[in-house]
């Protein structure tokens, strides 16, 4: 599925729709060039979980330096990873990525740094620059189970 987002608000709306479909065990691989909007997308998805829980949106700093941030919600714990600075896929094991993949929802920026540790059954979200400075093209691909949930969430 390919979606065009004219601006940051439209990108956030797509992230909120995706968040409605996520379940524990889901892995979202946020791909894109530096500055494309991966963290913006993750922030909007996390804010959607907060809204669902009746809470104000949490502060969602970019995990560029901390490498991982966690957010506990009634439906699931969100693990937000930024793997830009890891040198080897095994370095992600020290961040608790195995627990995140098994029990929570993982939003992973720079997922290619995981190499073979990235689960084959992940939701790929590729964010590309659009025709204007604020526009983005968002390509989403998912395996069958999550794909059906995504289709329903985007149709709602």
C-alpha atoms as a PDB file:
ATOM      1  CA  UNK A   1       0.000   0.000   0.000  1.00  0.00           C
ATOM      2  CA  UNK A   2       1.324   3.423  -0.926  1.00  0.00           C
ATOM      3  CA  UNK A   3       0.010   6.598   0.633  1.00  0.00           C
ATOM      4  CA  UNK A   4       0.821  10.209  -0.135  1.00  0.00           C
ATOM      5  CA  UNK A   5       1.092  12.576   2.793  1.00  0.00           C
ATOM      6  CA  UNK A   6       0.972  16.259   1.878  1.00  0.00           C
ATOM      7  CA  UNK A   7       2.407  17.405   5.197  1.00  0.00           C
ATOM      8  CA  UNK A   8       3.334  16.368   8.733  1.00  0.00           C
ATOM      9  CA  UNK A   9      -0.337  16.269   9.811  1.00  0.00           C
ATOM     10  CA  UNK A  10      -1.140  13.796   7.046  1.00  0.00           C
ATOM     11  CA  UNK A  11       1.896  11.696   7.980  1.00  0.00           C
ATOM     12  CA  UNK A  12       0.701  11.675  11.601  1.00  0.00           C
ATOM     13  CA  UNK A  13      -2.776  10.583  10.501  1.00  0.00           C
ATOM     14  CA  UNK A  14      -1.266   7.592   8.681  1.00  0.00           C
ATOM     15  CA  UNK A  15       0.782   6.711  11.781  1.00  0.00           C
ATOM     16  CA  UNK A  16      -2.368   6.858  13.935  1.00  0.00           C
ATOM     17  CA  UNK A  17      -4.171   4.511  11.532  1.00  0.00           C
ATOM     18  CA  UNK A  18      -1.268   2.073  11.642  1.00  0.00           C
ATOM     19  CA  UNK A  19      -1.211   2.263  15.467  1.00  0.00           C
ATOM     20  CA  UNK A  20      -4.847   1.103  15.602  1.00  0.00           C
ATOM     21  CA  UNK A  21      -3.798  -2.150  13.913  1.00  0.00           C
ATOM     22  CA  UNK A  22      -0.744  -2.951  16.021  1.00  0.00           C
ATOM     23  CA  UNK A  23      -0.676  -5.833  18.495  1.00  0.00           C
ATOM     24  CA  UNK A  24       1.987  -7.201  20.869  1.00  0.00           C
ATOM     25  CA  UNK A  25       4.581  -9.039  18.840  1.00  0.00           C
ATOM     26  CA  UNK A  26       4.363  -6.657  15.886  1.00  0.00           C
ATOM     27  CA  UNK A  27       7.578  -5.187  14.551  1.00  0.00           C
ATOM     28  CA  UNK A  28       7.436  -1.979  12.534  1.00  0.00           C
ATOM     29  CA  UNK A  29      10.573  -1.327  10.488  1.00  0.00           C
ATOM     30  CA  UNK A  30      10.728   2.422   9.848  1.00  0.00           C
ATOM     31  CA  UNK A  31      12.905   2.915   6.788  1.00  0.00           C
ATOM     32  CA  UNK A  32      13.944   6.128   5.092  1.00  0.00           C
ATOM     33  CA  UNK A  33      16.683   8.655   4.608  1.00  0.00           C
ATOM     34  CA  UNK A  34      17.907  10.914   7.377  1.00  0.00           C
ATOM     35  CA  UNK A  35      15.222  13.549   7.999  1.00  0.00           C
ATOM     36  CA  UNK A  36      12.495  11.709   6.088  1.00  0.00           C
ATOM     37  CA  UNK A  37      10.192  11.541   9.112  1.00  0.00           C
ATOM     38  CA  UNK A  38      10.768   8.196  10.836  1.00  0.00           C
ATOM     39  CA  UNK A  39      10.778   9.736  14.321  1.00  0.00           C
ATOM     40  CA  UNK A  40       7.793  11.933  13.467  1.00  0.00           C
ATOM     41  CA  UNK A  41       5.894   8.821  12.384  1.00  0.00           C
ATOM     42  CA  UNK A  42       6.857   6.968  15.582  1.00  0.00           C
ATOM     43  CA  UNK A  43       5.829   9.940  17.759  1.00  0.00           C
ATOM     44  CA  UNK A  44       2.385  10.033  16.160  1.00  0.00           C
ATOM     45  CA  UNK A  45       1.904   6.273  16.614  1.00  0.00           C
ATOM     46  CA  UNK A  46       2.916   6.525  20.289  1.00  0.00           C
ATOM     47  CA  UNK A  47       0.601   9.513  20.774  1.00  0.00           C
ATOM     48  CA  UNK A  48      -2.242   7.410  19.329  1.00  0.00           C
ATOM     49  CA  UNK A  49      -1.659   4.766  22.000  1.00  0.00           C
ATOM     50  CA  UNK A  50      -1.721   7.478  24.679  1.00  0.00           C
ATOM     51  CA  UNK A  51      -4.988   8.906  23.322  1.00  0.00           C
ATOM     52  CA  UNK A  52      -6.535   5.432  23.293  1.00  0.00           C
ATOM     53  CA  UNK A  53      -5.558   5.084  26.968  1.00  0.00           C
ATOM     54  CA  UNK A  54      -7.048   8.497  27.788  1.00  0.00           C
ATOM     55  CA  UNK A  55      -3.632   9.945  28.572  1.00  0.00           C
ATOM     56  CA  UNK A  56      -1.904  13.032  27.228  1.00  0.00           C
ATOM     57  CA  UNK A  57       0.774  12.263  24.657  1.00  0.00           C
ATOM     58  CA  UNK A  58       4.090  11.477  26.342  1.00  0.00           C
ATOM     59  CA  UNK A  59       7.295  13.307  25.610  1.00  0.00           C
ATOM     60  CA  UNK A  60       8.825  11.248  22.805  1.00  0.00           C
ATOM     61  CA  UNK A  61      12.447  12.233  22.340  1.00  0.00           C
ATOM     62  CA  UNK A  62      14.349  10.806  19.432  1.00  0.00           C
ATOM     63  CA  UNK A  63      16.177   7.745  20.746  1.00  0.00           C
ATOM     64  CA  UNK A  64      19.243   8.626  18.650  1.00  0.00           C
ATOM     65  CA  UNK A  65      21.475   8.818  21.720  1.00  0.00           C
ATOM     66  CA  UNK A  66      19.646   6.567  24.182  1.00  0.00           C
ATOM     67  CA  UNK A  67      19.040   4.039  21.365  1.00  0.00           C
ATOM     68  CA  UNK A  68      15.746   2.854  22.916  1.00  0.00           C
ATOM     69  CA  UNK A  69      12.782   4.348  24.771  1.00  0.00           C
ATOM     70  CA  UNK A  70       9.833   2.393  26.170  1.00  0.00           C
ATOM     71  CA  UNK A  71       6.244   3.491  26.681  1.00  0.00           C
ATOM     72  CA  UNK A  72       3.769   1.430  28.712  1.00  0.00           C
ATOM     73  CA  UNK A  73       0.125   1.451  27.632  1.00  0.00           C
ATOM     74  CA  UNK A  74      -2.767  -0.851  28.579  1.00  0.00           C
ATOM     75  CA  UNK A  75      -2.773  -2.522  25.146  1.00  0.00           C
ATOM     76  CA  UNK A  76       1.005  -2.998  24.903  1.00  0.00           C
ATOM     77  CA  UNK A  77       4.434  -1.689  25.719  1.00  0.00           C
ATOM     78  CA  UNK A  78       5.945   0.212  22.821  1.00  0.00           C
ATOM     79  CA  UNK A  79       9.696  -0.088  22.330  1.00  0.00           C
ATOM     80  CA  UNK A  80      11.058   2.711  20.130  1.00  0.00           C
ATOM     81  CA  UNK A  81      14.530   1.908  18.811  1.00  0.00           C
ATOM     82  CA  UNK A  82      16.913   4.080  16.806  1.00  0.00           C
ATOM     83  CA  UNK A  83      19.688   1.801  15.608  1.00  0.00           C
ATOM     84  CA  UNK A  84      21.604   4.363  13.555  1.00  0.00           C
ATOM     85  CA  UNK A  85      24.558   4.271  15.940  1.00  0.00           C
ATOM     86  CA  UNK A  86      24.912   0.530  16.498  1.00  0.00           C
ATOM     87  CA  UNK A  87      27.902  -1.056  14.814  1.00  0.00           C
ATOM     88  CA  UNK A  88      26.861  -4.728  14.708  1.00  0.00           C
ATOM     89  CA  UNK A  89      23.439  -6.406  14.749  1.00  0.00           C
ATOM     90  CA  UNK A  90      24.403  -8.152  18.002  1.00  0.00           C
ATOM     91  CA  UNK A  91      24.677  -4.749  19.715  1.00  0.00           C
ATOM     92  CA  UNK A  92      20.875  -4.573  19.606  1.00  0.00           C
ATOM     93  CA  UNK A  93      20.689  -7.565  21.952  1.00  0.00           C
ATOM     94  CA  UNK A  94      22.100  -5.381  24.736  1.00  0.00           C
ATOM     95  CA  UNK A  95      19.165  -2.997  24.239  1.00  0.00           C
ATOM     96  CA  UNK A  96      16.555  -5.627  25.087  1.00  0.00           C
ATOM     97  CA  UNK A  97      15.410  -6.106  21.529  1.00  0.00           C
ATOM     98  CA  UNK A  98      14.633  -9.778  22.121  1.00  0.00           C
ATOM     99  CA  UNK A  99      12.128  -8.854  24.850  1.00  0.00           C
ATOM    100  CA  UNK A 100      10.617  -6.150  22.649  1.00  0.00           C
ATOM    101  CA  UNK A 101      10.188  -8.554  19.741  1.00  0.00           C
ATOM    102  CA  UNK A 102       8.624 -11.214  21.951  1.00  0.00           C
ATOM    103  CA  UNK A 103       6.327  -9.179  24.195  1.00  0.00           C
ATOM    104  CA  UNK A 104       5.858  -5.624  23.001  1.00  0.00           C
ATOM    105  CA  UNK A 105       5.433  -3.625  19.855  1.00  0.00           C
ATOM    106  CA  UNK A 106       8.756  -2.583  18.349  1.00  0.00           C
ATOM    107  CA  UNK A 107       9.093   0.584  16.296  1.00  0.00           C
ATOM    108  CA  UNK A 108      12.568   0.362  14.799  1.00  0.00           C
ATOM    109  CA  UNK A 109      14.323   3.194  13.011  1.00  0.00           C
ATOM    110  CA  UNK A 110      17.252   2.086  10.825  1.00  0.00           C
ATOM    111  CA  UNK A 111      16.073  -1.566  10.879  1.00  0.00           C
ATOM    112  CA  UNK A 112      18.651  -2.572   8.272  1.00  0.00           C
ATOM    113  CA  UNK A 113      21.247  -2.344  11.079  1.00  0.00           C
ATOM    114  CA  UNK A 114      19.664  -5.485  12.574  1.00  0.00           C
ATOM    115  CA  UNK A 115      20.699  -7.575   9.600  1.00  0.00           C
ATOM    116  CA  UNK A 116      19.552 -11.156  10.185  1.00  0.00           C
ATOM    117  CA  UNK A 117      18.039 -10.252  13.588  1.00  0.00           C
ATOM    118  CA  UNK A 118      15.177  -8.342  11.902  1.00  0.00           C
ATOM    119  CA  UNK A 119      12.222 -10.736  11.949  1.00  0.00           C
ATOM    120  CA  UNK A 120      11.100 -11.762   8.476  1.00  0.00           C
ATOM    121  CA  UNK A 121       7.478 -11.130   9.535  1.00  0.00           C
ATOM    122  CA  UNK A 122       7.662  -7.381  10.057  1.00  0.00           C
ATOM    123  CA  UNK A 123       5.650  -4.412   8.897  1.00  0.00           C
ATOM    124  CA  UNK A 124       7.854  -2.322   6.604  1.00  0.00           C
ATOM    125  CA  UNK A 125       7.119   1.410   6.544  1.00  0.00           C
ATOM    126  CA  UNK A 126       9.275   3.200   3.960  1.00  0.00           C
ATOM    127  CA  UNK A 127       9.106   6.992   4.182  1.00  0.00           C
ATOM    128  CA  UNK A 128      10.403   8.952   1.185  1.00  0.00           C
ATOM    129  CA  UNK A 129      10.553  12.644   0.440  1.00  0.00           C
ATOM    130  CA  UNK A 130       7.685  13.926  -1.699  1.00  0.00           C
ATOM    131  CA  UNK A 131       7.379  16.606  -4.321  1.00  0.00           C
ATOM    132  CA  UNK A 132       7.258  19.473  -1.824  1.00  0.00           C
ATOM    133  CA  UNK A 133       9.449  19.978   1.258  1.00  0.00           C
ATOM    134  CA  UNK A 134       6.700  18.793   3.633  1.00  0.00           C
ATOM    135  CA  UNK A 135       5.262  16.007   1.469  1.00  0.00           C
ATOM    136  CA  UNK A 136       6.100  12.347   2.014  1.00  0.00           C
ATOM    137  CA  UNK A 137       5.407   9.107   0.210  1.00  0.00           C
ATOM    138  CA  UNK A 138       4.745   6.269   2.637  1.00  0.00           C
ATOM    139  CA  UNK A 139       4.933   2.677   1.431  1.00  0.00           C
ATOM    140  CA  UNK A 140       3.643   0.022   3.832  1.00  0.00           C
ATOM    141  CA  UNK A 141       4.121  -3.708   3.354  1.00  0.00           C
ATOM    142  CA  UNK A 142       3.083  -6.381   5.837  1.00  0.00           C
ATOM    143  CA  UNK A 143       2.726 -10.157   6.078  1.00  0.00           C
ATOM    144  CA  UNK A 144      -0.835 -11.583   5.759  1.00  0.00           C
ATOM    145  CA  UNK A 145      -2.065 -11.358   9.392  1.00  0.00           C
ATOM    146  CA  UNK A 146      -0.924  -7.793  10.057  1.00  0.00           C
ATOM    147  CA  UNK A 147      -1.841  -6.807   6.487  1.00  0.00           C
ATOM    148  CA  UNK A 148      -5.501  -7.656   7.125  1.00  0.00           C
ATOM    149  CA  UNK A 149      -5.472  -5.637  10.365  1.00  0.00           C
ATOM    150  CA  UNK A 150      -3.831  -2.707   8.560  1.00  0.00           C
ATOM    151  CA  UNK A 151      -6.391  -2.781   5.758  1.00  0.00           C
ATOM    152  CA  UNK A 152      -9.206  -2.661   8.319  1.00  0.00           C
ATOM    153  CA  UNK A 153      -7.540   0.152  10.299  1.00  0.00           C
ATOM    154  CA  UNK A 154      -6.922   2.260   7.193  1.00  0.00           C
ATOM    155  CA  UNK A 155     -10.498   1.701   6.005  1.00  0.00           C
ATOM    156  CA  UNK A 156     -11.936   2.932   9.345  1.00  0.00           C
END
